[in-house]
N, C-alpha and C. Protein backbone atom coordinates (compact mmCIF):
# COMPACT_ATOMS: atom_id res chain seq x y z
N MET A 1 -3.90 8.97 -26.03
CA MET A 1 -3.93 7.82 -25.51
C MET A 1 -3.63 8.19 -23.68
N ALA A 2 -4.11 7.56 -22.87
CA ALA A 2 -4.18 7.87 -21.53
C ALA A 2 -2.84 7.24 -20.93
N SER A 3 -2.02 7.84 -20.04
CA SER A 3 -0.83 7.46 -19.31
C SER A 3 -1.09 7.43 -17.99
N ILE A 4 -0.72 6.29 -17.10
CA ILE A 4 -0.67 6.18 -15.64
C ILE A 4 0.52 6.51 -14.95
N THR A 5 0.85 7.07 -14.00
CA THR A 5 2.07 7.07 -13.02
C THR A 5 1.93 5.77 -12.10
N VAL A 6 3.34 5.21 -12.28
CA VAL A 6 3.12 3.92 -11.59
C VAL A 6 4.37 4.20 -10.69
N ARG A 7 4.20 4.07 -9.29
CA ARG A 7 4.76 3.88 -8.08
C ARG A 7 5.41 2.59 -7.75
N CYS A 8 6.97 2.41 -7.80
CA CYS A 8 7.47 1.25 -6.88
C CYS A 8 7.04 0.66 -5.81
N PRO A 9 6.62 -0.20 -5.28
CA PRO A 9 5.89 -0.40 -4.11
C PRO A 9 7.07 -0.79 -3.26
N SER A 10 8.29 -0.98 -3.63
CA SER A 10 9.53 -1.34 -2.87
C SER A 10 10.39 0.02 -2.71
N CYS A 11 10.68 0.89 -3.42
CA CYS A 11 11.31 2.14 -3.31
C CYS A 11 10.81 3.12 -3.53
N SER A 12 9.34 3.41 -4.01
CA SER A 12 8.61 4.28 -4.05
C SER A 12 8.93 5.60 -5.09
N VAL A 13 9.75 4.99 -6.11
CA VAL A 13 10.11 6.28 -7.06
C VAL A 13 9.22 5.77 -8.24
N THR A 14 8.98 7.08 -8.99
CA THR A 14 8.28 6.94 -10.15
C THR A 14 8.92 6.86 -11.63
N GLU A 15 10.14 7.44 -11.57
CA GLU A 15 11.27 7.31 -12.58
C GLU A 15 11.95 5.96 -12.97
N GLY A 16 12.01 5.73 -13.84
CA GLY A 16 12.61 4.40 -14.38
C GLY A 16 11.82 3.04 -14.14
N ILE A 17 10.57 3.30 -14.24
CA ILE A 17 9.68 1.94 -13.96
C ILE A 17 9.57 1.67 -15.53
N VAL A 18 9.51 0.61 -15.97
CA VAL A 18 9.08 -0.01 -17.32
C VAL A 18 8.40 -1.10 -17.46
N CYS A 19 7.82 -1.49 -18.58
CA CYS A 19 6.77 -2.61 -18.71
C CYS A 19 7.75 -3.65 -18.51
N ASN A 20 7.41 -4.94 -18.15
CA ASN A 20 8.25 -5.98 -17.98
C ASN A 20 7.59 -7.08 -18.68
N GLY A 21 6.67 -7.28 -19.47
CA GLY A 21 6.15 -8.39 -20.09
C GLY A 21 4.71 -8.59 -19.30
N LYS A 22 4.08 -9.81 -19.27
CA LYS A 22 2.66 -10.25 -18.81
C LYS A 22 2.72 -11.06 -18.11
N SER A 23 1.83 -11.43 -17.17
CA SER A 23 1.61 -12.53 -16.21
C SER A 23 0.98 -13.77 -17.13
N THR A 24 0.88 -14.45 -16.71
CA THR A 24 -0.01 -15.74 -17.18
C THR A 24 -1.26 -15.75 -17.42
N ALA A 25 -1.97 -14.79 -16.83
CA ALA A 25 -3.06 -14.29 -16.82
C ALA A 25 -3.60 -13.21 -17.73
N ASP A 26 -2.38 -12.88 -18.35
CA ASP A 26 -2.26 -11.69 -19.32
C ASP A 26 -2.48 -10.09 -18.51
N HIS A 27 -1.76 -9.96 -17.40
CA HIS A 27 -1.79 -8.74 -16.77
C HIS A 27 -0.63 -8.25 -16.91
N GLN A 28 -0.46 -6.89 -16.70
CA GLN A 28 1.16 -6.16 -17.11
C GLN A 28 1.89 -6.27 -16.05
N ARG A 29 3.14 -6.58 -15.87
CA ARG A 29 4.02 -6.66 -15.50
C ARG A 29 4.84 -5.28 -15.35
N TYR A 30 5.41 -4.80 -14.37
CA TYR A 30 6.12 -3.75 -14.32
C TYR A 30 7.57 -4.04 -13.09
N LEU A 31 8.65 -3.15 -14.35
CA LEU A 31 10.10 -3.62 -13.40
C LEU A 31 10.58 -2.25 -12.64
N CYS A 32 11.03 -2.04 -11.76
CA CYS A 32 11.65 -0.75 -11.19
C CYS A 32 13.18 -0.80 -11.77
N LYS A 33 13.96 0.04 -12.54
CA LYS A 33 15.21 -0.30 -13.11
C LYS A 33 16.30 0.15 -11.75
N GLN A 34 15.60 0.85 -10.69
CA GLN A 34 16.78 1.19 -9.49
C GLN A 34 16.98 0.11 -8.93
N CYS A 35 15.90 -0.47 -8.06
CA CYS A 35 15.92 -1.68 -6.98
C CYS A 35 15.55 -3.38 -7.93
N ARG A 36 15.37 -3.21 -8.97
CA ARG A 36 15.46 -4.19 -10.10
C ARG A 36 14.10 -5.59 -9.35
N LYS A 37 12.98 -4.50 -8.69
CA LYS A 37 12.06 -5.62 -8.24
C LYS A 37 10.86 -5.50 -9.43
N THR A 38 10.03 -6.58 -9.63
CA THR A 38 9.08 -6.66 -10.50
C THR A 38 7.33 -6.73 -9.81
N TRP A 39 6.60 -6.35 -10.16
CA TRP A 39 5.38 -6.53 -9.61
C TRP A 39 4.13 -6.13 -10.90
N GLN A 40 3.10 -6.51 -10.24
CA GLN A 40 1.46 -6.26 -11.06
C GLN A 40 0.69 -5.64 -10.58
N LEU A 41 0.19 -4.90 -11.08
CA LEU A 41 -1.16 -4.13 -10.61
C LEU A 41 -2.47 -4.67 -10.17
N THR A 42 -2.70 -5.45 -11.05
CA THR A 42 -4.02 -6.13 -11.03
C THR A 42 -3.64 -7.72 -10.78
N PHE A 43 -4.43 -8.49 -10.05
CA PHE A 43 -4.29 -9.80 -9.79
C PHE A 43 -5.49 -10.46 -10.11
N THR A 44 -5.71 -11.86 -10.61
CA THR A 44 -6.79 -12.44 -10.69
C THR A 44 -7.22 -13.15 -9.70
N TYR A 45 -6.86 -13.48 -8.84
CA TYR A 45 -6.90 -14.51 -7.51
C TYR A 45 -7.14 -13.50 -6.38
N THR A 46 -8.00 -13.21 -5.68
CA THR A 46 -7.95 -12.27 -4.28
C THR A 46 -7.08 -12.70 -3.28
N ALA A 47 -6.49 -14.15 -3.18
CA ALA A 47 -5.54 -14.72 -2.22
C ALA A 47 -4.05 -13.77 -2.71
N SER A 48 -4.07 -13.61 -3.75
CA SER A 48 -2.41 -12.67 -4.45
C SER A 48 -2.38 -11.70 -4.14
N LYS A 49 -3.29 -10.80 -3.70
CA LYS A 49 -3.18 -9.44 -3.72
C LYS A 49 -2.39 -9.22 -2.55
N PRO A 50 -1.78 -8.01 -2.50
CA PRO A 50 -0.97 -7.73 -1.33
C PRO A 50 -1.77 -7.30 -0.06
N GLY A 51 -1.63 -7.63 1.06
CA GLY A 51 -2.44 -7.23 2.39
C GLY A 51 -3.28 -8.59 2.76
N THR A 52 -3.63 -9.70 2.04
CA THR A 52 -4.55 -10.92 1.95
C THR A 52 -3.92 -11.55 3.50
N TYR A 53 -2.42 -11.93 3.38
CA TYR A 53 -2.25 -12.71 4.31
C TYR A 53 -2.48 -11.69 5.69
N GLN A 54 -2.34 -10.80 5.62
CA GLN A 54 -2.29 -10.02 7.15
C GLN A 54 -3.64 -9.74 7.49
N LYS A 55 -4.73 -10.01 6.33
CA LYS A 55 -5.84 -9.95 6.80
C LYS A 55 -6.65 -11.16 7.68
N ILE A 56 -5.93 -12.13 7.15
CA ILE A 56 -6.28 -13.46 7.35
C ILE A 56 -5.65 -13.90 8.84
N ILE A 57 -4.43 -12.87 9.12
CA ILE A 57 -3.86 -13.17 10.55
C ILE A 57 -4.83 -12.20 11.45
N ASP A 58 -5.34 -11.04 11.07
CA ASP A 58 -5.86 -10.19 11.96
C ASP A 58 -7.11 -10.59 12.02
N MET A 59 -7.98 -11.41 11.40
CA MET A 59 -9.21 -11.99 11.57
C MET A 59 -8.74 -13.34 12.64
N ALA A 60 -7.91 -13.79 12.39
CA ALA A 60 -7.82 -15.26 13.34
C ALA A 60 -7.63 -14.47 14.78
N MET A 61 -6.80 -13.59 15.05
CA MET A 61 -6.50 -12.71 16.16
C MET A 61 -7.79 -12.26 16.86
N ASN A 62 -8.81 -12.28 15.97
CA ASN A 62 -10.14 -11.40 16.44
C ASN A 62 -11.08 -12.36 16.96
N GLY A 63 -10.63 -13.36 16.77
CA GLY A 63 -11.76 -14.90 16.93
C GLY A 63 -12.45 -14.79 15.80
N VAL A 64 -12.46 -14.90 14.41
CA VAL A 64 -13.26 -14.88 13.47
C VAL A 64 -12.43 -16.03 13.02
N GLY A 65 -13.78 -17.36 12.85
CA GLY A 65 -13.54 -18.65 12.21
C GLY A 65 -12.82 -18.87 10.97
N CYS A 66 -12.05 -19.78 10.44
CA CYS A 66 -11.49 -20.12 8.97
C CYS A 66 -12.68 -19.88 8.21
N ARG A 67 -13.93 -20.70 8.24
CA ARG A 67 -14.72 -20.47 7.14
C ARG A 67 -15.23 -19.06 6.78
N ALA A 68 -15.68 -18.53 8.10
CA ALA A 68 -16.20 -17.33 8.01
C ALA A 68 -15.08 -16.24 7.31
N SER A 69 -13.55 -16.21 7.81
CA SER A 69 -12.78 -15.62 7.23
C SER A 69 -12.46 -15.89 5.75
N ALA A 70 -12.68 -17.02 5.08
CA ALA A 70 -12.63 -17.24 3.63
C ALA A 70 -13.87 -16.61 3.06
N ARG A 71 -15.31 -16.99 3.69
CA ARG A 71 -16.14 -15.91 2.77
C ARG A 71 -16.23 -14.68 3.18
N ILE A 72 -15.72 -14.08 4.08
CA ILE A 72 -15.83 -12.65 3.92
C ILE A 72 -14.39 -11.98 3.22
N ILE A 73 -13.26 -12.55 2.87
CA ILE A 73 -12.41 -12.25 2.18
C ILE A 73 -12.37 -12.51 0.95
N GLY A 74 -13.50 -13.82 0.30
CA GLY A 74 -13.57 -14.11 -0.76
C GLY A 74 -12.53 -15.34 -1.24
N ILE A 75 -11.75 -16.07 -0.54
CA ILE A 75 -10.94 -16.96 -1.02
C ILE A 75 -11.52 -18.10 -0.57
N GLY A 76 -10.64 -19.22 -0.93
CA GLY A 76 -10.93 -20.68 -0.29
C GLY A 76 -10.61 -20.96 0.94
N LEU A 77 -11.35 -21.80 1.63
CA LEU A 77 -10.92 -22.25 2.59
C LEU A 77 -9.58 -22.89 3.24
N ASN A 78 -9.06 -23.75 1.82
CA ASN A 78 -8.06 -24.34 1.91
C ASN A 78 -6.64 -23.40 2.09
N THR A 79 -7.21 -22.13 1.08
CA THR A 79 -5.97 -21.19 1.25
C THR A 79 -5.91 -20.89 2.82
N ILE A 80 -6.86 -20.29 3.44
CA ILE A 80 -6.82 -20.00 4.83
C ILE A 80 -5.95 -20.99 5.55
N LEU A 81 -6.32 -22.44 5.46
CA LEU A 81 -5.55 -23.19 6.15
C LEU A 81 -4.30 -23.47 5.80
N ARG A 82 -4.16 -23.34 4.50
CA ARG A 82 -2.56 -23.35 4.12
C ARG A 82 -1.63 -22.37 4.90
N HIS A 83 -2.29 -21.03 4.70
CA HIS A 83 -1.52 -20.02 5.59
C HIS A 83 -1.16 -20.08 6.72
N PHE A 84 -1.98 -20.56 7.34
CA PHE A 84 -1.96 -21.27 8.82
C PHE A 84 -0.65 -22.20 8.87
N LYS A 85 -1.07 -23.21 8.05
CA LYS A 85 -0.03 -24.51 8.26
C LYS A 85 1.31 -23.96 7.93
N ASN A 86 1.56 -22.94 6.88
CA ASN A 86 2.98 -22.69 6.43
C ASN A 86 3.38 -21.19 7.37
N SER A 87 2.53 -20.37 8.03
CA SER A 87 3.11 -19.34 8.80
C SER A 87 4.02 -19.55 9.77
N GLY A 88 3.95 -20.77 10.75
CA GLY A 88 4.67 -20.65 11.84
C GLY A 88 4.15 -20.05 12.95
N PRO A 89 5.10 -19.90 13.75
CA PRO A 89 4.64 -18.83 15.04
C PRO A 89 4.51 -17.19 14.74
N VAL A 90 3.29 -16.63 15.41
CA VAL A 90 2.86 -15.48 14.91
C VAL A 90 3.38 -14.79 16.01
N GLN A 91 4.09 -13.71 16.09
CA GLN A 91 4.57 -12.86 16.93
C GLN A 91 3.52 -11.91 17.53
N LEU A 92 3.38 -11.77 18.81
CA LEU A 92 2.88 -10.56 19.22
C LEU A 92 3.67 -9.66 19.91
N ARG A 93 2.55 -8.53 20.10
CA ARG A 93 3.32 -7.95 21.60
C ARG A 93 3.70 -8.68 22.58
N LEU A 94 2.87 -9.37 23.02
CA LEU A 94 3.11 -9.80 24.25
C LEU A 94 3.93 -11.29 24.42
N GLY A 95 4.01 -11.73 23.35
CA GLY A 95 4.90 -12.82 23.17
C GLY A 95 4.80 -13.84 21.98
N TYR A 96 4.34 -14.99 21.72
CA TYR A 96 4.53 -15.88 20.54
C TYR A 96 3.24 -16.72 21.06
N ILE A 97 2.74 -16.95 19.89
CA ILE A 97 1.06 -17.81 20.04
C ILE A 97 1.73 -19.11 18.70
N GLN A 98 1.74 -20.05 18.64
CA GLN A 98 1.90 -21.01 18.03
C GLN A 98 0.72 -21.42 17.55
N ILE A 99 0.89 -21.28 15.93
CA ILE A 99 -0.53 -22.03 15.27
C ILE A 99 0.05 -23.23 14.73
N SER A 100 -1.09 -24.37 15.31
CA SER A 100 -0.52 -25.66 14.54
C SER A 100 -1.69 -26.31 14.10
N MET A 101 -1.38 -27.64 12.97
CA MET A 101 -2.88 -28.22 12.99
C MET A 101 -2.32 -29.29 12.88
């Protein structure tokens, strides 16, 4: 039987990681006994993956439209618009930009 080494995304330890049930989509969930965080390695939807929100913001700051961003990332247009609506002001090095709908 093959085994994989799982690292906690929060505290980066490899010891003390245990299986913690399954998600509703039948993906394995893990629990770190040190920091008590839970996570999963695989996701059903692209919008749930770590880093998707940052991709949306980066594409918007580079002038890519909402529809093009949705098509490139592989998520729905309403997901893009919901991220912008719920994000509030975005902090940049030069100041703040208010994203409003």
